[in-house]
Amino acid sequence: DTLRFVQRANAMHNVHFKTHPNGAKLGAAATSPYLTALGQAYNVVVDARFTLGNYEIVCDPHQAIVIPGILTVLTQPGS
């Protein structure tokens, strides 16, 4: 599966997996570059780096004013 985050506002945004289950190895995918242009996108492939459990997703500049997103991985990707 692929998560696609698309810039739909004039304010700068990013994607940051703020918390994740033990064993997850997101590496560089844990924080995206800033999206600044309308229509700009950031894709994250949910693969073996993602272990079972919940991942809290925030936009760093807006985390104090916006409820975080949650990704729940129920089956091991790639299995």
PDB file of N, CA and C in Angstrom:
ATOM      1  N   ASP A   1       0.836  -1.179   0.000  1.00  0.00           N
ATOM      2  CA  ASP A   1       0.000   0.000   0.000  1.00  0.00           C
ATOM      3  C   ASP A   1       0.880   1.241   0.000  1.00  0.00           C
ATOM      4  N   THR A   2       0.327   2.313  -0.487  1.00  0.00           N
ATOM      5  CA  THR A   2       1.035   3.592  -0.523  1.00  0.00           C
ATOM      6  C   THR A   2       0.151   4.673   0.072  1.00  0.00           C
ATOM      7  N   LEU A   3       0.715   5.438   0.998  1.00  0.00           N
ATOM      8  CA  LEU A   3       0.043   6.625   1.528  1.00  0.00           C
ATOM      9  C   LEU A   3       0.496   7.804   0.690  1.00  0.00           C
ATOM     10  N   ARG A   4      -0.441   8.608   0.237  1.00  0.00           N
ATOM     11  CA  ARG A   4      -0.107   9.790  -0.575  1.00  0.00           C
ATOM     12  C   ARG A   4      -0.646  11.018   0.134  1.00  0.00           C
ATOM     13  N   PHE A   5       0.245  11.916   0.501  1.00  0.00           N
ATOM     14  CA  PHE A   5      -0.100  13.176   1.156  1.00  0.00           C
ATOM     15  C   PHE A   5       0.046  14.277   0.116  1.00  0.00           C
ATOM     16  N   VAL A   6      -1.029  15.055  -0.104  1.00  0.00           N
ATOM     17  CA  VAL A   6      -1.036  16.083  -1.144  1.00  0.00           C
ATOM     18  C   VAL A   6      -1.240  17.458  -0.519  1.00  0.00           C
ATOM     19  N   GLN A   7      -0.397  18.408  -0.905  1.00  0.00           N
ATOM     20  CA  GLN A   7      -0.477  19.793  -0.428  1.00  0.00           C
ATOM     21  C   GLN A   7      -1.705  20.466  -1.018  1.00  0.00           C
ATOM     22  N   ARG A   8      -2.628  20.882  -0.168  1.00  0.00           N
ATOM     23  CA  ARG A   8      -3.872  21.506  -0.609  1.00  0.00           C
ATOM     24  C   ARG A   8      -4.056  22.915  -0.046  1.00  0.00           C
ATOM     25  N   ALA A   9      -3.027  23.476   0.579  1.00  0.00           N
ATOM     26  CA  ALA A   9      -3.144  24.799   1.203  1.00  0.00           C
ATOM     27  C   ALA A   9      -1.926  25.637   0.847  1.00  0.00           C
ATOM     28  N   ASN A  10      -2.017  26.916   1.150  1.00  0.00           N
ATOM     29  CA  ASN A  10      -0.895  27.813   0.895  1.00  0.00           C
ATOM     30  C   ASN A  10       0.131  27.795   2.019  1.00  0.00           C
ATOM     31  N   ALA A  11      -0.186  27.163   3.140  1.00  0.00           N
ATOM     32  CA  ALA A  11       0.750  27.072   4.268  1.00  0.00           C
ATOM     33  C   ALA A  11       1.667  25.868   4.069  1.00  0.00           C
ATOM     34  N   MET A  12       2.889  25.981   4.542  1.00  0.00           N
ATOM     35  CA  MET A  12       3.867  24.896   4.441  1.00  0.00           C
ATOM     36  C   MET A  12       3.451  23.736   5.356  1.00  0.00           C
ATOM     37  N   HIS A  13       3.591  22.507   4.856  1.00  0.00           N
ATOM     38  CA  HIS A  13       3.268  21.308   5.625  1.00  0.00           C
ATOM     39  C   HIS A  13       4.356  20.255   5.432  1.00  0.00           C
ATOM     40  N   ASN A  14       4.404  19.308   6.364  1.00  0.00           N
ATOM     41  CA  ASN A  14       5.229  18.119   6.184  1.00  0.00           C
ATOM     42  C   ASN A  14       4.500  16.934   6.800  1.00  0.00           C
ATOM     43  N   VAL A  15       5.096  15.766   6.674  1.00  0.00           N
ATOM     44  CA  VAL A  15       4.554  14.531   7.234  1.00  0.00           C
ATOM     45  C   VAL A  15       5.613  13.985   8.177  1.00  0.00           C
ATOM     46  N   HIS A  16       5.241  13.800   9.448  1.00  0.00           N
ATOM     47  CA  HIS A  16       6.207  13.307  10.429  1.00  0.00           C
ATOM     48  C   HIS A  16       5.535  12.192  11.221  1.00  0.00           C
ATOM     49  N   PHE A  17       6.085  10.984  11.112  1.00  0.00           N
ATOM     50  CA  PHE A  17       5.613   9.861  11.925  1.00  0.00           C
ATOM     51  C   PHE A  17       6.219  10.062  13.309  1.00  0.00           C
ATOM     52  N   LYS A  18       5.461  10.705  14.177  1.00  0.00           N
ATOM     53  CA  LYS A  18       5.973  11.130  15.482  1.00  0.00           C
ATOM     54  C   LYS A  18       6.177   9.959  16.447  1.00  0.00           C
ATOM     55  N   THR A  19       5.257   9.026  16.463  1.00  0.00           N
ATOM     56  CA  THR A  19       5.411   7.827  17.288  1.00  0.00           C
ATOM     57  C   THR A  19       5.152   6.609  16.413  1.00  0.00           C
ATOM     58  N   HIS A  20       5.789   5.507  16.784  1.00  0.00           N
ATOM     59  CA  HIS A  20       5.596   4.269  16.034  1.00  0.00           C
ATOM     60  C   HIS A  20       5.915   3.089  16.941  1.00  0.00           C
ATOM     61  N   PRO A  21       5.428   1.897  16.571  1.00  0.00           N
ATOM     62  CA  PRO A  21       5.663   0.709  17.390  1.00  0.00           C
ATOM     63  C   PRO A  21       7.145   0.329  17.421  1.00  0.00           C
ATOM     64  N   ASN A  22       7.524  -0.400  18.468  1.00  0.00           N
ATOM     65  CA  ASN A  22       8.882  -0.943  18.539  1.00  0.00           C
ATOM     66  C   ASN A  22       9.134  -1.812  17.321  1.00  0.00           C
ATOM     67  N   GLY A  23      10.330  -1.741  16.805  1.00  0.00           N
ATOM     68  CA  GLY A  23      10.709  -2.558  15.663  1.00  0.00           C
ATOM     69  C   GLY A  23      10.513  -1.892  14.317  1.00  0.00           C
ATOM     70  N   ALA A  24       9.739  -0.812  14.272  1.00  0.00           N
ATOM     71  CA  ALA A  24       9.567  -0.093  13.008  1.00  0.00           C
ATOM     72  C   ALA A  24      10.886   0.589  12.655  1.00  0.00           C
ATOM     73  N   LYS A  25      11.249   0.520  11.395  1.00  0.00           N
ATOM     74  CA  LYS A  25      12.497   1.103  10.928  1.00  0.00           C
ATOM     75  C   LYS A  25      12.207   2.004   9.734  1.00  0.00           C
ATOM     76  N   LEU A  26      11.602   3.164  10.010  1.00  0.00           N
ATOM     77  CA  LEU A  26      11.154   4.052   8.947  1.00  0.00           C
ATOM     78  C   LEU A  26      12.283   4.819   8.281  1.00  0.00           C
ATOM     79  N   GLY A  27      13.387   5.000   8.983  1.00  0.00           N
ATOM     80  CA  GLY A  27      14.514   5.726   8.400  1.00  0.00           C
ATOM     81  C   GLY A  27      14.106   7.097   7.894  1.00  0.00           C
ATOM     82  N   ALA A  28      14.534   7.434   6.695  1.00  0.00           N
ATOM     83  CA  ALA A  28      14.250   8.749   6.111  1.00  0.00           C
ATOM     84  C   ALA A  28      12.760   8.974   5.871  1.00  0.00           C
ATOM     85  N   ALA A  29      11.969   7.911   5.775  1.00  0.00           N
ATOM     86  CA  ALA A  29      10.524   8.058   5.551  1.00  0.00           C
ATOM     87  C   ALA A  29       9.794   8.587   6.783  1.00  0.00           C
ATOM     88  N   ALA A  30      10.469   8.634   7.932  1.00  0.00           N
ATOM     89  CA  ALA A  30       9.825   9.090   9.167  1.00  0.00           C
ATOM     90  C   ALA A  30       9.440  10.561   9.118  1.00  0.00           C
ATOM     91  N   THR A  31      10.174  11.367   8.330  1.00  0.00           N
ATOM     92  CA  THR A  31       9.866  12.793   8.200  1.00  0.00           C
ATOM     93  C   THR A  31      10.067  13.204   6.746  1.00  0.00           C
ATOM     94  N   SER A  32       9.020  13.787   6.186  1.00  0.00           N
ATOM     95  CA  SER A  32       9.094  14.213   4.783  1.00  0.00           C
ATOM     96  C   SER A  32       9.766  15.569   4.662  1.00  0.00           C
ATOM     97  N   PRO A  33      10.139  15.922   3.434  1.00  0.00           N
ATOM     98  CA  PRO A  33      10.521  17.313   3.196  1.00  0.00           C
ATOM     99  C   PRO A  33       9.262  18.177   3.311  1.00  0.00           C
ATOM    100  N   TYR A  34       9.438  19.484   3.436  1.00  0.00           N
ATOM    101  CA  TYR A  34       8.283  20.376   3.490  1.00  0.00           C
ATOM    102  C   TYR A  34       7.630  20.476   2.113  1.00  0.00           C
ATOM    103  N   LEU A  35       6.301  20.396   2.128  1.00  0.00           N
ATOM    104  CA  LEU A  35       5.508  20.574   0.914  1.00  0.00           C
ATOM    105  C   LEU A  35       5.108  22.042   0.865  1.00  0.00           C
ATOM    106  N   THR A  36       5.461  22.733  -0.202  1.00  0.00           N
ATOM    107  CA  THR A  36       5.237  24.176  -0.257  1.00  0.00           C
ATOM    108  C   THR A  36       4.387  24.612  -1.436  1.00  0.00           C
ATOM    109  N   ALA A  37       4.260  23.779  -2.459  1.00  0.00           N
ATOM    110  CA  ALA A  37       3.512  24.147  -3.655  1.00  0.00           C
ATOM    111  C   ALA A  37       2.199  23.365  -3.712  1.00  0.00           C
ATOM    112  N   LEU A  38       1.131  24.041  -4.115  1.00  0.00           N
ATOM    113  CA  LEU A  38      -0.158  23.367  -4.267  1.00  0.00           C
ATOM    114  C   LEU A  38      -0.001  22.173  -5.202  1.00  0.00           C
ATOM    115  N   GLY A  39      -0.548  21.043  -4.805  1.00  0.00           N
ATOM    116  CA  GLY A  39      -0.486  19.830  -5.601  1.00  0.00           C
ATOM    117  C   GLY A  39       0.753  18.987  -5.380  1.00  0.00           C
ATOM    118  N   GLN A  40       1.752  19.533  -4.690  1.00  0.00           N
ATOM    119  CA  GLN A  40       2.960  18.762  -4.394  1.00  0.00           C
ATOM    120  C   GLN A  40       2.571  17.581  -3.517  1.00  0.00           C
ATOM    121  N   ALA A  41       3.223  16.431  -3.704  1.00  0.00           N
ATOM    122  CA  ALA A  41       2.834  15.223  -2.975  1.00  0.00           C
ATOM    123  C   ALA A  41       4.049  14.546  -2.346  1.00  0.00           C
ATOM    124  N   TYR A  42       3.761  13.793  -1.294  1.00  0.00           N
ATOM    125  CA  TYR A  42       4.759  12.956  -0.635  1.00  0.00           C
ATOM    126  C   TYR A  42       4.151  11.572  -0.505  1.00  0.00           C
ATOM    127  N   ASN A  43       4.809  10.565  -1.051  1.00  0.00           N
ATOM    128  CA  ASN A  43       4.326   9.187  -1.000  1.00  0.00           C
ATOM    129  C   ASN A  43       5.156   8.372  -0.027  1.00  0.00           C
ATOM    130  N   VAL A  44       4.472   7.541   0.744  1.00  0.00           N
ATOM    131  CA  VAL A  44       5.128   6.619   1.657  1.00  0.00           C
ATOM    132  C   VAL A  44       4.620   5.213   1.339  1.00  0.00           C
ATOM    133  N   VAL A  45       5.523   4.327   0.966  1.00  0.00           N
ATOM    134  CA  VAL A  45       5.165   2.934   0.720  1.00  0.00           C
ATOM    135  C   VAL A  45       5.171   2.210   2.059  1.00  0.00           C
ATOM    136  N   VAL A  46       4.039   1.594   2.390  1.00  0.00           N
ATOM    137  CA  VAL A  46       3.933   0.816   3.627  1.00  0.00           C
ATOM    138  C   VAL A  46       4.471  -0.573   3.300  1.00  0.00           C
ATOM    139  N   ASP A  47       5.695  -0.818   3.761  1.00  0.00           N
ATOM    140  CA  ASP A  47       6.381  -2.063   3.441  1.00  0.00           C
ATOM    141  C   ASP A  47       6.944  -2.680   4.719  1.00  0.00           C
ATOM    142  N   ALA A  48       7.943  -3.517   4.595  1.00  0.00           N
ATOM    143  CA  ALA A  48       8.493  -4.254   5.743  1.00  0.00           C
ATOM    144  C   ALA A  48       9.076  -3.343   6.829  1.00  0.00           C
ATOM    145  N   ARG A  49       9.321  -2.072   6.529  1.00  0.00           N
ATOM    146  CA  ARG A  49       9.795  -1.129   7.561  1.00  0.00           C
ATOM    147  C   ARG A  49       8.734  -0.893   8.633  1.00  0.00           C
ATOM    148  N   PHE A  50       7.476  -1.119   8.278  1.00  0.00           N
ATOM    149  CA  PHE A  50       6.351  -0.869   9.166  1.00  0.00           C
ATOM    150  C   PHE A  50       5.973  -2.159   9.884  1.00  0.00           C
ATOM    151  N   THR A  51       6.046  -2.133  11.205  1.00  0.00           N
ATOM    152  CA  THR A  51       5.609  -3.279  11.994  1.00  0.00           C
ATOM    153  C   THR A  51       4.146  -3.088  12.381  1.00  0.00           C
ATOM    154  N   LEU A  52       3.545  -4.102  12.954  1.00  0.00           N
ATOM    155  CA  LEU A  52       2.145  -4.020  13.380  1.00  0.00           C
ATOM    156  C   LEU A  52       1.987  -2.967  14.465  1.00  0.00           C
ATOM    157  N   GLY A  53       0.901  -2.216  14.390  1.00  0.00           N
ATOM    158  CA  GLY A  53       0.601  -1.251  15.440  1.00  0.00           C
ATOM    159  C   GLY A  53       0.190   0.109  14.908  1.00  0.00           C
ATOM    160  N   ASN A  54       0.184   1.081  15.809  1.00  0.00           N
ATOM    161  CA  ASN A  54      -0.276   2.439  15.497  1.00  0.00           C
ATOM    162  C   ASN A  54       0.891   3.388  15.303  1.00  0.00           C
ATOM    163  N   TYR A  55       0.734   4.268  14.326  1.00  0.00           N
ATOM    164  CA  TYR A  55       1.713   5.291  13.979  1.00  0.00           C
ATOM    165  C   TYR A  55       1.015   6.644  14.054  1.00  0.00           C
ATOM    166  N   GLU A  56       1.534   7.548  14.851  1.00  0.00           N
ATOM    167  CA  GLU A  56       0.958   8.895  14.954  1.00  0.00           C
ATOM    168  C   GLU A  56       1.638   9.784  13.923  1.00  0.00           C
ATOM    169  N   ILE A  57       0.823  10.454  13.112  1.00  0.00           N
ATOM    170  CA  ILE A  57       1.337  11.300  12.035  1.00  0.00           C
ATOM    171  C   ILE A  57       0.954  12.747  12.333  1.00  0.00           C
ATOM    172  N   VAL A  58       1.946  13.634  12.298  1.00  0.00           N
ATOM    173  CA  VAL A  58       1.705  15.054  12.518  1.00  0.00           C
ATOM    174  C   VAL A  58       2.355  15.864  11.404  1.00  0.00           C
ATOM    175  N   CYS A  59       1.940  17.114  11.313  1.00  0.00           N
ATOM    176  CA  CYS A  59       2.620  18.132  10.518  1.00  0.00           C
ATOM    177  C   CYS A  59       3.376  18.971  11.537  1.00  0.00           C
ATOM    178  N   ASP A  60       4.698  18.991  11.469  1.00  0.00           N
ATOM    179  CA  ASP A  60       5.483  19.675  12.500  1.00  0.00           C
ATOM    180  C   ASP A  60       5.057  21.125  12.746  1.00  0.00           C
ATOM    181  N   PRO A  61       4.863  21.961  11.707  1.00  0.00           N
ATOM    182  CA  PRO A  61       4.481  23.345  11.986  1.00  0.00           C
ATOM    183  C   PRO A  61       3.096  23.506  12.612  1.00  0.00           C
ATOM    184  N   HIS A  62       2.243  22.493  12.488  1.00  0.00           N
ATOM    185  CA  HIS A  62       0.858  22.626  12.947  1.00  0.00           C
ATOM    186  C   HIS A  62       0.464  21.642  14.043  1.00  0.00           C
ATOM    187  N   GLN A  63       1.404  20.893  14.595  1.00  0.00           N
ATOM    188  CA  GLN A  63       1.042  19.836  15.540  1.00  0.00           C
ATOM    189  C   GLN A  63       0.360  20.353  16.800  1.00  0.00           C
ATOM    190  N   ALA A  64       0.593  21.606  17.181  1.00  0.00           N
ATOM    191  CA  ALA A  64      -0.036  22.141  18.387  1.00  0.00           C
ATOM    192  C   ALA A  64      -1.509  22.501  18.174  1.00  0.00           C
ATOM    193  N   ILE A  65      -1.921  22.662  16.903  1.00  0.00           N
ATOM    194  CA  ILE A  65      -3.292  23.123  16.648  1.00  0.00           C
ATOM    195  C   ILE A  65      -4.150  22.129  15.868  1.00  0.00           C
ATOM    196  N   VAL A  66      -3.561  21.004  15.469  1.00  0.00           N
ATOM    197  CA  VAL A  66      -4.296  20.031  14.653  1.00  0.00           C
ATOM    198  C   VAL A  66      -4.204  18.652  15.310  1.00  0.00           C
ATOM    199  N   ILE A  67      -5.294  17.918  15.280  1.00  0.00           N
ATOM    200  CA  ILE A  67      -5.317  16.556  15.808  1.00  0.00           C
ATOM    201  C   ILE A  67      -4.448  15.684  14.907  1.00  0.00           C
ATOM    202  N   PRO A  68      -3.572  14.841  15.480  1.00  0.00           N
ATOM    203  CA  PRO A  68      -2.704  14.000  14.645  1.00  0.00           C
ATOM    204  C   PRO A  68      -3.497  12.940  13.894  1.00  0.00           C
ATOM    205  N   GLY A  69      -2.936  12.491  12.800  1.00  0.00           N
ATOM    206  CA  GLY A  69      -3.488  11.355  12.078  1.00  0.00           C
ATOM    207  C   GLY A  69      -2.931  10.079  12.677  1.00  0.00           C
ATOM    208  N   ILE A  70      -3.650   9.005  12.504  1.00  0.00           N
ATOM    209  CA  ILE A  70      -3.200   7.705  12.994  1.00  0.00           C
ATOM    210  C   ILE A  70      -3.235   6.712  11.835  1.00  0.00           C
ATOM    211  N   LEU A  71      -2.129   6.024  11.624  1.00  0.00           N
ATOM    212  CA  LEU A  71      -2.068   4.896  10.704  1.00  0.00           C
ATOM    213  C   LEU A  71      -2.002   3.647  11.561  1.00  0.00           C
ATOM    214  N   THR A  72      -2.896   2.701  11.317  1.00  0.00           N
ATOM    215  CA  THR A  72      -2.879   1.429  12.032  1.00  0.00           C
ATOM    216  C   THR A  72      -2.533   0.327  11.039  1.00  0.00           C
ATOM    217  N   VAL A  73      -1.427  -0.367  11.298  1.00  0.00           N
ATOM    218  CA  VAL A  73      -1.007  -1.484  10.462  1.00  0.00           C
ATOM    219  C   VAL A  73      -1.505  -2.762  11.149  1.00  0.00           C
ATOM    220  N   LEU A  74      -2.400  -3.475  10.475  1.00  0.00           N
ATOM    221  CA  LEU A  74      -3.034  -4.664  11.063  1.00  0.00           C
ATOM    222  C   LEU A  74      -2.413  -5.969  10.594  1.00  0.00           C
ATOM    223  N   THR A  75      -1.791  -5.963   9.424  1.00  0.00           N
ATOM    224  CA  THR A  75      -1.110  -7.157   8.915  1.00  0.00           C
ATOM    225  C   THR A  75       0.289  -6.755   8.500  1.00  0.00           C
ATOM    226  N   GLN A  76       1.212  -7.678   8.610  1.00  0.00           N
ATOM    227  CA  GLN A  76       2.594  -7.377   8.250  1.00  0.00           C
ATOM    228  C   GLN A  76       2.690  -7.094   6.753  1.00  0.00           C
ATOM    229  N   PRO A  77       3.132  -5.882   6.374  1.00  0.00           N
ATOM    230  CA  PRO A  77       3.274  -5.573   4.943  1.00  0.00           C
ATOM    231  C   PRO A  77       4.200  -6.564   4.273  1.00  0.00           C
ATOM    232  N   GLY A  78       3.832  -6.953   3.070  1.00  0.00           N
ATOM    233  CA  GLY A  78       4.634  -7.879   2.291  1.00  0.00           C
ATOM    234  C   GLY A  78       4.344  -9.341   2.560  1.00  0.00           C
ATOM    235  N   SER A  79       3.436  -9.610   3.508  1.00  0.00           N
ATOM    236  CA  SER A  79       3.147 -11.019   3.812  1.00  0.00           C
ATOM    237  C   SER A  79       1.853 -11.469   3.163  1.00  0.00           C
TER     238      SER A  79
END
